[in-house]
Each structure stands twice: as C-alpha cells, then as structure tokens.
N, C-alpha and C. Protein backbone atom coordinates (compact mmCIF):
# COMPACT_ATOMS: atom_id res chain seq x y z
N MET A 1 0.83 -1.19 0.00
CA MET A 1 0.00 0.00 0.00
C MET A 1 0.87 1.25 0.00
N ASP A 2 2.03 1.18 0.63
CA ASP A 2 2.94 2.33 0.70
C ASP A 2 3.46 2.68 -0.70
N ILE A 3 3.73 1.69 -1.50
CA ILE A 3 4.22 1.92 -2.87
C ILE A 3 3.14 2.61 -3.69
N PHE A 4 1.89 2.18 -3.51
CA PHE A 4 0.78 2.78 -4.26
C PHE A 4 0.59 4.25 -3.88
N SER A 5 0.65 4.56 -2.58
CA SER A 5 0.48 5.96 -2.15
C SER A 5 1.64 6.82 -2.65
N THR A 6 2.85 6.27 -2.68
CA THR A 6 3.99 6.98 -3.24
C THR A 6 3.79 7.23 -4.72
N PHE A 7 3.27 6.24 -5.42
CA PHE A 7 2.97 6.37 -6.85
C PHE A 7 1.96 7.49 -7.08
N LEU A 8 0.89 7.52 -6.27
CA LEU A 8 -0.13 8.57 -6.42
C LEU A 8 0.44 9.95 -6.12
N LYS A 9 1.32 10.04 -5.12
CA LYS A 9 1.96 11.33 -4.82
C LYS A 9 2.80 11.78 -6.01
N PHE A 10 3.50 10.85 -6.62
CA PHE A 10 4.32 11.19 -7.79
C PHE A 10 3.45 11.68 -8.94
N ILE A 11 2.32 11.00 -9.16
CA ILE A 11 1.40 11.42 -10.22
C ILE A 11 0.92 12.85 -9.96
N ARG A 12 0.61 13.16 -8.71
CA ARG A 12 0.14 14.51 -8.39
C ARG A 12 1.24 15.54 -8.59
N LEU A 13 2.49 15.15 -8.41
CA LEU A 13 3.59 16.07 -8.69
C LEU A 13 3.75 16.29 -10.19
N VAL A 14 3.63 15.21 -10.95
CA VAL A 14 3.77 15.30 -12.41
C VAL A 14 2.59 16.07 -13.00
N PHE A 15 1.40 15.80 -12.50
CA PHE A 15 0.19 16.46 -12.98
C PHE A 15 -0.43 17.24 -11.82
N PRO A 16 -0.03 18.50 -11.64
CA PRO A 16 -0.53 19.26 -10.50
C PRO A 16 -2.05 19.40 -10.52
N TYR A 17 -2.66 19.37 -11.69
CA TYR A 17 -4.11 19.43 -11.78
C TYR A 17 -4.64 18.04 -12.08
N SER A 18 -4.02 17.07 -11.46
CA SER A 18 -4.41 15.69 -11.70
C SER A 18 -5.89 15.50 -11.44
N LEU A 19 -6.47 14.64 -12.21
CA LEU A 19 -7.89 14.42 -12.10
C LEU A 19 -8.21 13.36 -11.05
N LEU A 20 -7.17 12.84 -10.39
CA LEU A 20 -7.41 11.90 -9.31
C LEU A 20 -7.87 12.68 -8.09
N ASP A 21 -8.87 12.19 -7.40
CA ASP A 21 -9.43 12.86 -6.23
C ASP A 21 -9.80 14.30 -6.55
N SER A 22 -10.20 14.56 -7.78
CA SER A 22 -10.43 15.93 -8.19
C SER A 22 -11.71 16.52 -7.61
N LYS A 23 -12.58 15.68 -7.04
CA LYS A 23 -13.78 16.24 -6.44
C LYS A 23 -13.49 16.80 -5.05
N LYS A 24 -12.32 16.52 -4.52
CA LYS A 24 -11.93 17.09 -3.23
C LYS A 24 -11.43 18.51 -3.47
N ILE A 25 -11.90 19.42 -2.65
CA ILE A 25 -11.54 20.82 -2.82
C ILE A 25 -10.75 21.25 -1.59
N ASP A 26 -9.60 21.88 -1.82
CA ASP A 26 -8.80 22.27 -0.67
C ASP A 26 -9.39 23.49 0.04
N ARG A 27 -8.93 23.70 1.24
CA ARG A 27 -9.48 24.74 2.12
C ARG A 27 -9.39 26.14 1.51
N ASN A 28 -8.27 26.47 0.86
CA ASN A 28 -8.10 27.80 0.27
C ASN A 28 -9.13 28.07 -0.81
N LYS A 29 -9.37 27.07 -1.65
CA LYS A 29 -10.37 27.23 -2.71
C LYS A 29 -11.76 27.40 -2.11
N LEU A 30 -12.05 26.62 -1.07
CA LEU A 30 -13.35 26.75 -0.42
C LEU A 30 -13.54 28.14 0.18
N GLU A 31 -12.47 28.69 0.75
CA GLU A 31 -12.56 30.04 1.32
C GLU A 31 -12.79 31.08 0.24
N GLU A 32 -12.15 30.91 -0.92
CA GLU A 32 -12.38 31.82 -2.05
C GLU A 32 -13.83 31.75 -2.51
N ILE A 33 -14.34 30.53 -2.62
CA ILE A 33 -15.73 30.34 -3.05
C ILE A 33 -16.68 30.97 -2.04
N GLU A 34 -16.42 30.71 -0.76
CA GLU A 34 -17.28 31.26 0.29
C GLU A 34 -17.28 32.79 0.27
N GLU A 35 -16.10 33.38 0.12
CA GLU A 35 -16.00 34.84 0.09
C GLU A 35 -16.77 35.41 -1.11
N TYR A 36 -16.63 34.74 -2.25
CA TYR A 36 -17.34 35.23 -3.43
C TYR A 36 -18.86 35.13 -3.24
N LEU A 37 -19.33 33.98 -2.76
CA LEU A 37 -20.77 33.76 -2.63
C LEU A 37 -21.40 34.62 -1.54
N ASN A 38 -20.69 34.84 -0.44
CA ASN A 38 -21.27 35.56 0.69
C ASN A 38 -21.01 37.06 0.69
N ILE A 39 -19.93 37.50 0.04
CA ILE A 39 -19.57 38.92 0.10
C ILE A 39 -19.61 39.57 -1.27
N GLU A 40 -18.79 39.04 -2.19
CA GLU A 40 -18.63 39.68 -3.49
C GLU A 40 -19.90 39.62 -4.35
N ARG A 41 -20.47 38.45 -4.48
CA ARG A 41 -21.66 38.29 -5.33
C ARG A 41 -22.82 39.17 -4.87
N PRO A 42 -23.16 39.17 -3.57
CA PRO A 42 -24.25 40.07 -3.14
C PRO A 42 -23.97 41.55 -3.41
N LYS A 43 -22.69 41.96 -3.29
CA LYS A 43 -22.34 43.35 -3.59
C LYS A 43 -22.59 43.66 -5.06
N HIS A 44 -22.21 42.75 -5.94
CA HIS A 44 -22.43 42.96 -7.37
C HIS A 44 -23.93 43.07 -7.68
N ILE A 45 -24.72 42.22 -7.05
CA ILE A 45 -26.16 42.25 -7.28
C ILE A 45 -26.75 43.56 -6.75
N GLU A 46 -26.33 43.94 -5.54
CA GLU A 46 -26.83 45.17 -4.91
C GLU A 46 -26.47 46.42 -5.73
N ASN A 47 -25.26 46.43 -6.31
CA ASN A 47 -24.80 47.58 -7.09
C ASN A 47 -25.26 47.53 -8.54
N ASN A 48 -26.06 46.52 -8.88
CA ASN A 48 -26.50 46.32 -10.27
C ASN A 48 -25.33 46.31 -11.25
N SER A 49 -24.28 45.59 -10.89
CA SER A 49 -23.10 45.48 -11.76
C SER A 49 -23.49 44.83 -13.08
N THR A 50 -22.76 45.17 -14.12
CA THR A 50 -23.04 44.59 -15.43
C THR A 50 -22.69 43.10 -15.41
N ILE A 51 -23.28 42.39 -16.33
CA ILE A 51 -22.98 40.95 -16.46
C ILE A 51 -21.49 40.76 -16.69
N LEU A 52 -20.89 41.60 -17.50
CA LEU A 52 -19.46 41.49 -17.80
C LEU A 52 -18.62 41.61 -16.53
N THR A 53 -18.93 42.58 -15.69
CA THR A 53 -18.20 42.76 -14.43
C THR A 53 -18.37 41.54 -13.55
N ARG A 54 -19.58 41.03 -13.47
CA ARG A 54 -19.83 39.84 -12.65
C ARG A 54 -19.11 38.62 -13.23
N GLN A 55 -19.07 38.51 -14.57
CA GLN A 55 -18.36 37.39 -15.19
C GLN A 55 -16.88 37.43 -14.85
N PHE A 56 -16.27 38.62 -14.95
CA PHE A 56 -14.85 38.73 -14.61
C PHE A 56 -14.60 38.30 -13.17
N ALA A 57 -15.45 38.73 -12.26
CA ALA A 57 -15.28 38.36 -10.85
C ALA A 57 -15.47 36.85 -10.66
N GLN A 58 -16.48 36.28 -11.30
CA GLN A 58 -16.79 34.86 -11.10
C GLN A 58 -15.76 33.96 -11.76
N LYS A 59 -15.20 34.36 -12.89
CA LYS A 59 -14.22 33.53 -13.60
C LYS A 59 -12.92 33.37 -12.81
N LYS A 60 -12.70 34.23 -11.82
CA LYS A 60 -11.49 34.14 -10.98
C LYS A 60 -11.65 33.10 -9.87
N ILE A 61 -12.86 32.63 -9.68
CA ILE A 61 -13.15 31.72 -8.57
C ILE A 61 -13.11 30.27 -9.05
N PRO A 62 -12.30 29.42 -8.38
CA PRO A 62 -12.25 28.02 -8.78
C PRO A 62 -13.64 27.37 -8.67
N ILE A 63 -13.88 26.41 -9.50
CA ILE A 63 -15.13 25.66 -9.59
C ILE A 63 -16.24 26.51 -10.19
N LEU A 64 -16.49 27.69 -9.64
CA LEU A 64 -17.58 28.54 -10.13
C LEU A 64 -17.29 29.10 -11.51
N ASN A 65 -16.02 29.07 -11.93
CA ASN A 65 -15.67 29.59 -13.25
C ASN A 65 -16.20 28.71 -14.38
N ASN A 66 -16.71 27.54 -14.04
CA ASN A 66 -17.32 26.66 -15.04
C ASN A 66 -18.81 26.90 -15.22
N LEU A 67 -19.35 27.86 -14.47
CA LEU A 67 -20.77 28.19 -14.57
C LEU A 67 -20.91 29.61 -15.12
N SER A 68 -22.00 29.86 -15.83
CA SER A 68 -22.28 31.23 -16.24
C SER A 68 -22.88 31.98 -15.05
N VAL A 69 -22.89 33.30 -15.12
CA VAL A 69 -23.46 34.11 -14.05
C VAL A 69 -24.94 33.75 -13.85
N ASN A 70 -25.66 33.61 -14.96
CA ASN A 70 -27.08 33.27 -14.87
C ASN A 70 -27.30 31.88 -14.26
N GLU A 71 -26.43 30.95 -14.61
CA GLU A 71 -26.54 29.60 -14.03
C GLU A 71 -26.40 29.64 -12.53
N LEU A 72 -25.36 30.34 -12.07
CA LEU A 72 -25.12 30.41 -10.63
C LEU A 72 -26.28 31.11 -9.93
N ASP A 73 -26.78 32.19 -10.54
CA ASP A 73 -27.94 32.88 -9.96
C ASP A 73 -29.13 31.94 -9.85
N ASP A 74 -29.40 31.19 -10.91
CA ASP A 74 -30.52 30.24 -10.90
C ASP A 74 -30.33 29.17 -9.83
N LEU A 75 -29.12 28.63 -9.75
CA LEU A 75 -28.87 27.57 -8.78
C LEU A 75 -29.04 28.06 -7.35
N ILE A 76 -28.58 29.28 -7.08
CA ILE A 76 -28.64 29.79 -5.71
C ILE A 76 -30.00 30.39 -5.39
N ASP A 77 -30.48 31.27 -6.24
CA ASP A 77 -31.70 32.02 -5.93
C ASP A 77 -32.98 31.25 -6.22
N LYS A 78 -33.08 30.69 -7.41
CA LYS A 78 -34.33 30.03 -7.81
C LYS A 78 -34.39 28.58 -7.36
N LYS A 79 -33.29 27.88 -7.50
CA LYS A 79 -33.29 26.44 -7.20
C LYS A 79 -32.89 26.14 -5.76
N GLU A 80 -32.33 27.14 -5.07
CA GLU A 80 -31.89 26.99 -3.69
C GLU A 80 -31.00 25.76 -3.49
N SER A 81 -30.02 25.62 -4.35
CA SER A 81 -29.11 24.48 -4.27
C SER A 81 -28.07 24.69 -3.19
N ASP A 82 -27.63 23.60 -2.58
CA ASP A 82 -26.54 23.68 -1.61
C ASP A 82 -25.20 23.54 -2.34
N MET A 83 -24.10 23.62 -1.59
CA MET A 83 -22.77 23.55 -2.21
C MET A 83 -22.55 22.23 -2.93
N ASP A 84 -22.98 21.14 -2.33
CA ASP A 84 -22.82 19.84 -2.98
C ASP A 84 -23.55 19.82 -4.31
N GLY A 85 -24.74 20.40 -4.33
CA GLY A 85 -25.51 20.47 -5.57
C GLY A 85 -24.79 21.27 -6.64
N ILE A 86 -24.23 22.41 -6.24
CA ILE A 86 -23.49 23.25 -7.20
C ILE A 86 -22.28 22.50 -7.73
N PHE A 87 -21.52 21.86 -6.83
CA PHE A 87 -20.34 21.12 -7.27
C PHE A 87 -20.73 19.96 -8.18
N ASN A 88 -21.82 19.27 -7.85
CA ASN A 88 -22.27 18.16 -8.70
C ASN A 88 -22.70 18.66 -10.07
N VAL A 89 -23.31 19.83 -10.13
CA VAL A 89 -23.69 20.41 -11.42
C VAL A 89 -22.44 20.66 -12.25
N VAL A 90 -21.42 21.27 -11.63
CA VAL A 90 -20.17 21.56 -12.36
C VAL A 90 -19.56 20.27 -12.89
N TRP A 91 -19.53 19.22 -12.05
CA TRP A 91 -18.95 17.95 -12.49
C TRP A 91 -19.80 17.27 -13.55
N ALA A 92 -21.11 17.30 -13.37
CA ALA A 92 -21.99 16.65 -14.35
C ALA A 92 -21.94 17.36 -15.70
N LYS A 93 -21.61 18.66 -15.67
CA LYS A 93 -21.44 19.40 -16.93
C LYS A 93 -20.11 19.04 -17.60
N GLY A 94 -19.21 18.40 -16.86
CA GLY A 94 -17.93 18.01 -17.42
C GLY A 94 -16.78 18.90 -16.98
N GLY A 95 -17.05 19.89 -16.15
CA GLY A 95 -16.00 20.80 -15.70
C GLY A 95 -15.32 21.45 -16.88
N ALA A 96 -14.00 21.40 -16.89
CA ALA A 96 -13.24 22.00 -17.98
C ALA A 96 -13.31 21.17 -19.25
N LEU A 97 -13.61 19.89 -19.13
CA LEU A 97 -13.70 19.00 -20.29
C LEU A 97 -15.17 18.73 -20.61
N ILE A 98 -15.78 19.67 -21.31
CA ILE A 98 -17.21 19.63 -21.57
C ILE A 98 -17.64 18.35 -22.29
N GLY A 99 -16.74 17.76 -23.07
CA GLY A 99 -17.08 16.53 -23.80
C GLY A 99 -17.47 15.39 -22.88
N PHE A 100 -17.05 15.44 -21.62
CA PHE A 100 -17.40 14.40 -20.66
C PHE A 100 -18.70 14.71 -19.93
N GLY A 101 -19.31 15.83 -20.23
CA GLY A 101 -20.50 16.27 -19.51
C GLY A 101 -21.74 15.44 -19.82
N TYR A 102 -22.59 15.32 -18.83
CA TYR A 102 -23.85 14.60 -18.97
C TYR A 102 -25.04 15.55 -19.07
N ILE A 103 -24.85 16.79 -18.61
CA ILE A 103 -25.95 17.75 -18.64
C ILE A 103 -25.48 19.05 -19.28
N GLU A 104 -26.44 19.86 -19.70
CA GLU A 104 -26.14 21.19 -20.21
C GLU A 104 -27.22 22.14 -19.74
N TYR A 105 -26.87 23.41 -19.65
CA TYR A 105 -27.80 24.41 -19.14
C TYR A 105 -28.60 25.03 -20.27
N ASN A 106 -29.91 25.08 -20.11
CA ASN A 106 -30.78 25.74 -21.07
C ASN A 106 -31.16 27.09 -20.46
N SER A 107 -30.53 28.17 -20.96
CA SER A 107 -30.74 29.49 -20.37
C SER A 107 -32.14 30.03 -20.62
N GLU A 108 -32.78 29.60 -21.70
CA GLU A 108 -34.14 30.08 -22.00
C GLU A 108 -35.15 29.55 -20.99
N GLU A 109 -34.97 28.30 -20.59
CA GLU A 109 -35.91 27.69 -19.63
C GLU A 109 -35.37 27.70 -18.21
N SER A 110 -34.14 28.17 -18.02
CA SER A 110 -33.48 28.21 -16.70
C SER A 110 -33.50 26.84 -16.01
N LYS A 111 -33.10 25.82 -16.77
CA LYS A 111 -33.01 24.49 -16.17
C LYS A 111 -31.94 23.68 -16.90
N TYR A 112 -31.58 22.56 -16.31
CA TYR A 112 -30.58 21.68 -16.90
C TYR A 112 -31.28 20.57 -17.65
N LEU A 113 -30.66 20.18 -18.74
CA LEU A 113 -31.19 19.11 -19.58
C LEU A 113 -30.12 18.04 -19.75
N TYR A 114 -30.58 16.81 -19.93
CA TYR A 114 -29.65 15.74 -20.26
C TYR A 114 -29.07 16.05 -21.63
N LYS A 115 -27.78 15.92 -21.78
CA LYS A 115 -27.10 16.26 -23.04
C LYS A 115 -27.54 15.32 -24.15
N LYS A 116 -28.07 15.89 -25.21
CA LYS A 116 -28.52 15.08 -26.34
C LYS A 116 -27.42 14.90 -27.37
N ASN A 117 -26.61 15.92 -27.56
CA ASN A 117 -25.54 15.86 -28.56
C ASN A 117 -24.26 15.39 -27.90
N GLY A 118 -23.73 14.31 -28.40
CA GLY A 118 -22.48 13.80 -27.85
C GLY A 118 -22.74 12.80 -26.74
N ASN A 119 -21.77 11.98 -26.53
CA ASN A 119 -21.87 10.94 -25.52
C ASN A 119 -20.57 10.95 -24.74
N PRO A 120 -20.62 11.11 -23.41
CA PRO A 120 -19.39 11.14 -22.61
C PRO A 120 -18.53 9.89 -22.78
N THR A 121 -19.17 8.74 -22.95
CA THR A 121 -18.40 7.51 -23.13
C THR A 121 -17.63 7.56 -24.44
N THR A 122 -18.25 8.10 -25.48
CA THR A 122 -17.56 8.25 -26.77
C THR A 122 -16.37 9.18 -26.62
N ALA A 123 -16.56 10.29 -25.89
CA ALA A 123 -15.46 11.23 -25.66
C ALA A 123 -14.31 10.54 -24.93
N LEU A 124 -14.64 9.70 -23.97
CA LEU A 124 -13.62 8.96 -23.23
C LEU A 124 -12.84 8.04 -24.16
N ILE A 125 -13.55 7.26 -24.94
CA ILE A 125 -12.90 6.29 -25.84
C ILE A 125 -12.04 7.01 -26.87
N VAL A 126 -12.58 8.05 -27.49
CA VAL A 126 -11.83 8.81 -28.49
C VAL A 126 -10.58 9.43 -27.87
N GLY A 127 -10.73 9.99 -26.67
CA GLY A 127 -9.58 10.59 -25.98
C GLY A 127 -8.48 9.58 -25.71
N LEU A 128 -8.85 8.41 -25.21
CA LEU A 128 -7.85 7.38 -24.93
C LEU A 128 -7.19 6.87 -26.21
N ILE A 129 -7.97 6.71 -27.27
CA ILE A 129 -7.40 6.27 -28.55
C ILE A 129 -6.42 7.30 -29.08
N MET A 130 -6.77 8.58 -28.97
CA MET A 130 -5.88 9.64 -29.45
C MET A 130 -4.57 9.65 -28.67
N ILE A 131 -4.66 9.53 -27.35
CA ILE A 131 -3.45 9.53 -26.53
C ILE A 131 -2.60 8.31 -26.86
N PHE A 132 -3.23 7.13 -26.97
CA PHE A 132 -2.50 5.91 -27.30
C PHE A 132 -1.83 6.04 -28.67
N SER A 133 -2.54 6.60 -29.64
CA SER A 133 -1.98 6.78 -30.99
C SER A 133 -0.78 7.71 -30.96
N LEU A 134 -0.87 8.77 -30.18
CA LEU A 134 0.25 9.70 -30.07
C LEU A 134 1.48 9.00 -29.50
N PHE A 135 1.28 8.21 -28.45
CA PHE A 135 2.41 7.49 -27.86
C PHE A 135 2.99 6.45 -28.82
N LEU A 136 2.13 5.77 -29.57
CA LEU A 136 2.63 4.82 -30.57
C LEU A 136 3.46 5.54 -31.63
N TYR A 137 2.97 6.69 -32.08
CA TYR A 137 3.69 7.46 -33.08
C TYR A 137 5.07 7.88 -32.56
N ILE A 138 5.11 8.36 -31.33
CA ILE A 138 6.39 8.77 -30.74
C ILE A 138 7.33 7.58 -30.65
N ALA A 139 6.82 6.44 -30.18
CA ALA A 139 7.65 5.23 -30.07
C ALA A 139 8.17 4.80 -31.44
N PHE A 140 7.31 4.82 -32.45
CA PHE A 140 7.71 4.45 -33.81
C PHE A 140 8.74 5.44 -34.35
N PHE A 141 8.50 6.71 -34.13
CA PHE A 141 9.41 7.76 -34.60
C PHE A 141 10.80 7.59 -33.99
N LEU A 142 10.83 7.30 -32.68
CA LEU A 142 12.12 7.15 -32.00
C LEU A 142 12.83 5.87 -32.42
N SER A 143 12.09 4.85 -32.83
CA SER A 143 12.73 3.59 -33.21
C SER A 143 13.54 3.72 -34.50
N ASN A 144 13.29 4.77 -35.28
CA ASN A 144 14.05 4.99 -36.51
C ASN A 144 15.43 5.59 -36.26
N TYR A 145 15.64 6.12 -35.08
CA TYR A 145 16.94 6.71 -34.77
C TYR A 145 17.87 5.65 -34.21
N GLN A 146 19.15 5.83 -34.46
CA GLN A 146 20.13 4.88 -33.95
C GLN A 146 20.53 5.28 -32.54
N ILE A 147 19.82 4.73 -31.61
CA ILE A 147 20.15 4.94 -30.21
C ILE A 147 20.27 3.58 -29.56
N THR A 148 20.93 3.54 -28.44
CA THR A 148 21.17 2.25 -27.80
C THR A 148 19.87 1.63 -27.32
N ASP A 149 19.93 0.32 -27.15
CA ASP A 149 18.74 -0.41 -26.71
C ASP A 149 18.28 0.03 -25.32
N ILE A 150 19.23 0.36 -24.46
CA ILE A 150 18.89 0.81 -23.10
C ILE A 150 18.09 2.11 -23.18
N VAL A 151 18.52 3.05 -24.00
CA VAL A 151 17.82 4.33 -24.14
C VAL A 151 16.43 4.09 -24.73
N LYS A 152 16.34 3.21 -25.74
CA LYS A 152 15.03 2.88 -26.31
C LYS A 152 14.11 2.29 -25.25
N PHE A 153 14.66 1.38 -24.44
CA PHE A 153 13.88 0.75 -23.38
C PHE A 153 13.38 1.80 -22.39
N ILE A 154 14.25 2.70 -21.97
CA ILE A 154 13.87 3.75 -21.02
C ILE A 154 12.79 4.65 -21.62
N ILE A 155 12.94 5.01 -22.88
CA ILE A 155 11.95 5.86 -23.55
C ILE A 155 10.61 5.14 -23.63
N HIS A 156 10.64 3.86 -24.00
CA HIS A 156 9.38 3.11 -24.12
C HIS A 156 8.71 2.94 -22.75
N ILE A 157 9.48 2.65 -21.73
CA ILE A 157 8.91 2.51 -20.38
C ILE A 157 8.31 3.85 -19.93
N THR A 158 9.00 4.94 -20.22
CA THR A 158 8.49 6.27 -19.87
C THR A 158 7.18 6.55 -20.60
N LEU A 159 7.13 6.21 -21.88
CA LEU A 159 5.89 6.42 -22.65
C LEU A 159 4.74 5.59 -22.10
N VAL A 160 5.03 4.34 -21.75
CA VAL A 160 3.98 3.48 -21.17
C VAL A 160 3.51 4.06 -19.84
N PHE A 161 4.46 4.49 -19.01
CA PHE A 161 4.11 5.09 -17.72
C PHE A 161 3.23 6.32 -17.91
N LEU A 162 3.62 7.20 -18.83
CA LEU A 162 2.83 8.40 -19.09
C LEU A 162 1.44 8.06 -19.61
N PHE A 163 1.37 7.08 -20.50
CA PHE A 163 0.07 6.67 -21.04
C PHE A 163 -0.84 6.15 -19.92
N VAL A 164 -0.30 5.30 -19.07
CA VAL A 164 -1.10 4.75 -17.97
C VAL A 164 -1.52 5.87 -17.02
N THR A 165 -0.61 6.77 -16.69
CA THR A 165 -0.91 7.86 -15.78
C THR A 165 -2.01 8.77 -16.33
N ILE A 166 -1.87 9.16 -17.58
CA ILE A 166 -2.87 10.04 -18.19
C ILE A 166 -4.21 9.31 -18.32
N SER A 167 -4.15 8.03 -18.68
CA SER A 167 -5.39 7.25 -18.81
C SER A 167 -6.13 7.14 -17.48
N ILE A 168 -5.38 6.89 -16.40
CA ILE A 168 -5.99 6.81 -15.07
C ILE A 168 -6.64 8.14 -14.72
N SER A 169 -5.95 9.23 -15.02
CA SER A 169 -6.50 10.55 -14.73
C SER A 169 -7.78 10.81 -15.51
N ILE A 170 -7.77 10.47 -16.79
CA ILE A 170 -8.97 10.68 -17.62
C ILE A 170 -10.12 9.80 -17.14
N LEU A 171 -9.81 8.54 -16.83
CA LEU A 171 -10.86 7.63 -16.34
C LEU A 171 -11.44 8.12 -15.02
N SER A 172 -10.58 8.64 -14.15
CA SER A 172 -11.03 9.17 -12.87
C SER A 172 -11.93 10.37 -13.08
N PHE A 173 -11.54 11.25 -13.99
CA PHE A 173 -12.36 12.43 -14.30
C PHE A 173 -13.72 12.01 -14.84
N TYR A 174 -13.70 11.06 -15.76
CA TYR A 174 -14.94 10.54 -16.36
C TYR A 174 -15.85 9.96 -15.27
N THR A 175 -15.27 9.20 -14.36
CA THR A 175 -16.03 8.60 -13.27
C THR A 175 -16.63 9.67 -12.37
N ASN A 176 -15.84 10.71 -12.07
CA ASN A 176 -16.36 11.81 -11.24
C ASN A 176 -17.56 12.47 -11.91
N CYS A 177 -17.48 12.70 -13.21
CA CYS A 177 -18.60 13.32 -13.94
C CYS A 177 -19.84 12.43 -13.88
N LYS A 178 -19.62 11.14 -14.09
CA LYS A 178 -20.74 10.19 -14.09
C LYS A 178 -21.37 10.10 -12.70
N ASN A 179 -20.55 10.05 -11.66
CA ASN A 179 -21.07 9.97 -10.29
C ASN A 179 -21.82 11.24 -9.91
N ALA A 180 -21.32 12.39 -10.35
CA ALA A 180 -22.01 13.66 -10.06
C ALA A 180 -23.38 13.66 -10.73
N TYR A 181 -23.44 13.16 -11.95
CA TYR A 181 -24.73 13.10 -12.65
C TYR A 181 -25.69 12.18 -11.90
N LYS A 182 -25.20 11.04 -11.43
CA LYS A 182 -26.05 10.11 -10.67
C LYS A 182 -26.57 10.78 -9.39
N GLU A 183 -25.69 11.58 -8.74
CA GLU A 183 -26.09 12.31 -7.53
C GLU A 183 -27.24 13.26 -7.84
N LEU A 184 -27.15 13.93 -8.98
CA LEU A 184 -28.17 14.91 -9.36
C LEU A 184 -29.50 14.25 -9.70
N GLN A 185 -29.48 12.95 -9.96
CA GLN A 185 -30.72 12.22 -10.26
C GLN A 185 -31.52 11.91 -9.00
N LYS A 186 -30.90 12.08 -7.84
CA LYS A 186 -31.61 11.81 -6.58
C LYS A 186 -32.66 12.89 -6.34
N ASP A 187 -33.66 12.55 -5.54
CA ASP A 187 -34.78 13.46 -5.28
C ASP A 187 -34.32 14.83 -4.77
N LYS A 188 -33.26 14.86 -4.01
CA LYS A 188 -32.78 16.11 -3.42
C LYS A 188 -32.44 17.16 -4.48
N TYR A 189 -31.96 16.72 -5.64
CA TYR A 189 -31.52 17.66 -6.67
C TYR A 189 -32.36 17.63 -7.94
N ARG A 190 -33.43 16.87 -7.96
CA ARG A 190 -34.24 16.76 -9.18
C ARG A 190 -34.79 18.10 -9.63
N HIS A 191 -34.93 19.04 -8.71
CA HIS A 191 -35.53 20.34 -9.05
C HIS A 191 -34.72 21.13 -10.07
N ILE A 192 -33.44 20.84 -10.22
CA ILE A 192 -32.66 21.62 -11.20
C ILE A 192 -33.02 21.25 -12.64
N PHE A 193 -33.70 20.11 -12.82
CA PHE A 193 -34.12 19.70 -14.15
C PHE A 193 -35.56 20.14 -14.46
N GLU A 194 -36.18 20.82 -13.51
CA GLU A 194 -37.58 21.21 -13.68
C GLU A 194 -37.72 22.70 -13.93
C-alpha cells in the first residue's frame, strides 16, 4: 500500500491538476468560493453590476468559473441548491472538459437538460485512442533513430508510464462526472431539471 500511495503522490507532482481525487476541494479554494458567494456576489447584485463585471469576478473563482453568471444565480436564488448540488452540477457538466458532460444548461428555460448531442463515453474512448496513438507514433518515430537499446527501453517505459498515468487521470475524471450526474438524479436535486 505504501508503494501505491507513493505512486499517487508522484502522479500529483507530475500532474498538478491531476484528475485523481479531483472532487476534493482544498481549504483555500473553499474560502475563495465562500467569500465570493457571501460577500462579493451580493455586492455585485446590490450595485446592479453589469454581467461582464460579474463574469470577470466569477471567472477568478475556482469551480464557479465553469458556470455562467445566470446559471449560478438560478442555482442559488431560484433552485436553492446547496454547495454539494453546485459542485455536482459543475462535475456533471464536465468541468473544464465539456465533452465528458452529462448535462447542459438551457438558459431560456433556466433548467438543466440531459445532453442530447455527444456521448461522454464516446469522448472517453476517443480521448484514450488519441493519446495511445500519439504514444505509438512517438515510439515508432524514435525507433528509426540509432540509439542504444537501453535508451530505447527507457523511452518506451516512460511512454507506457505516461500513457497509464494520463489514462488513469482521464478515467477518474470521467467517473467523477458520471457519479455527479447520478447524484443529481436523486430526489434532493431533481428540481434543477424542472
């Protein structure tokens, strides 16, 4: 178990925005979110700030930068969602990787809809195939050069390690999106689809 935890620590060093345990939010980010929701956002609303001003302020906040101003307003004011609900919405939308999203926001109806265009599983498969193809191309390209067998072996092992690491991260991200969508299907959050 110690080797596995060391391996995960190494992955997090290599990929600082690793998608492993990505649903966990550190204390500093939570404090930024809390300050924005409790202090900054109400001030903007009270001062009738323009949408552009509010967008600039919201885009600086982790997690919330994946939502539009109107989405956040709807989730908080109309839908009365809690923090878990907001985070699940961000994850179910796919976060930064929209292709993995299960839901999308319909601004005209102020509700979320199941994504009709695209399939997150297809995005996952295509992404993994593209990464694998890239690594195969690099390995093939390097095999044409006259380098020692040891160097070739090290390069190939490194490529395999990187492929596995990136694949695990992508699969973890995909799983987080899927789990968030399942959470939103529970009675507690069904109101965001209505």
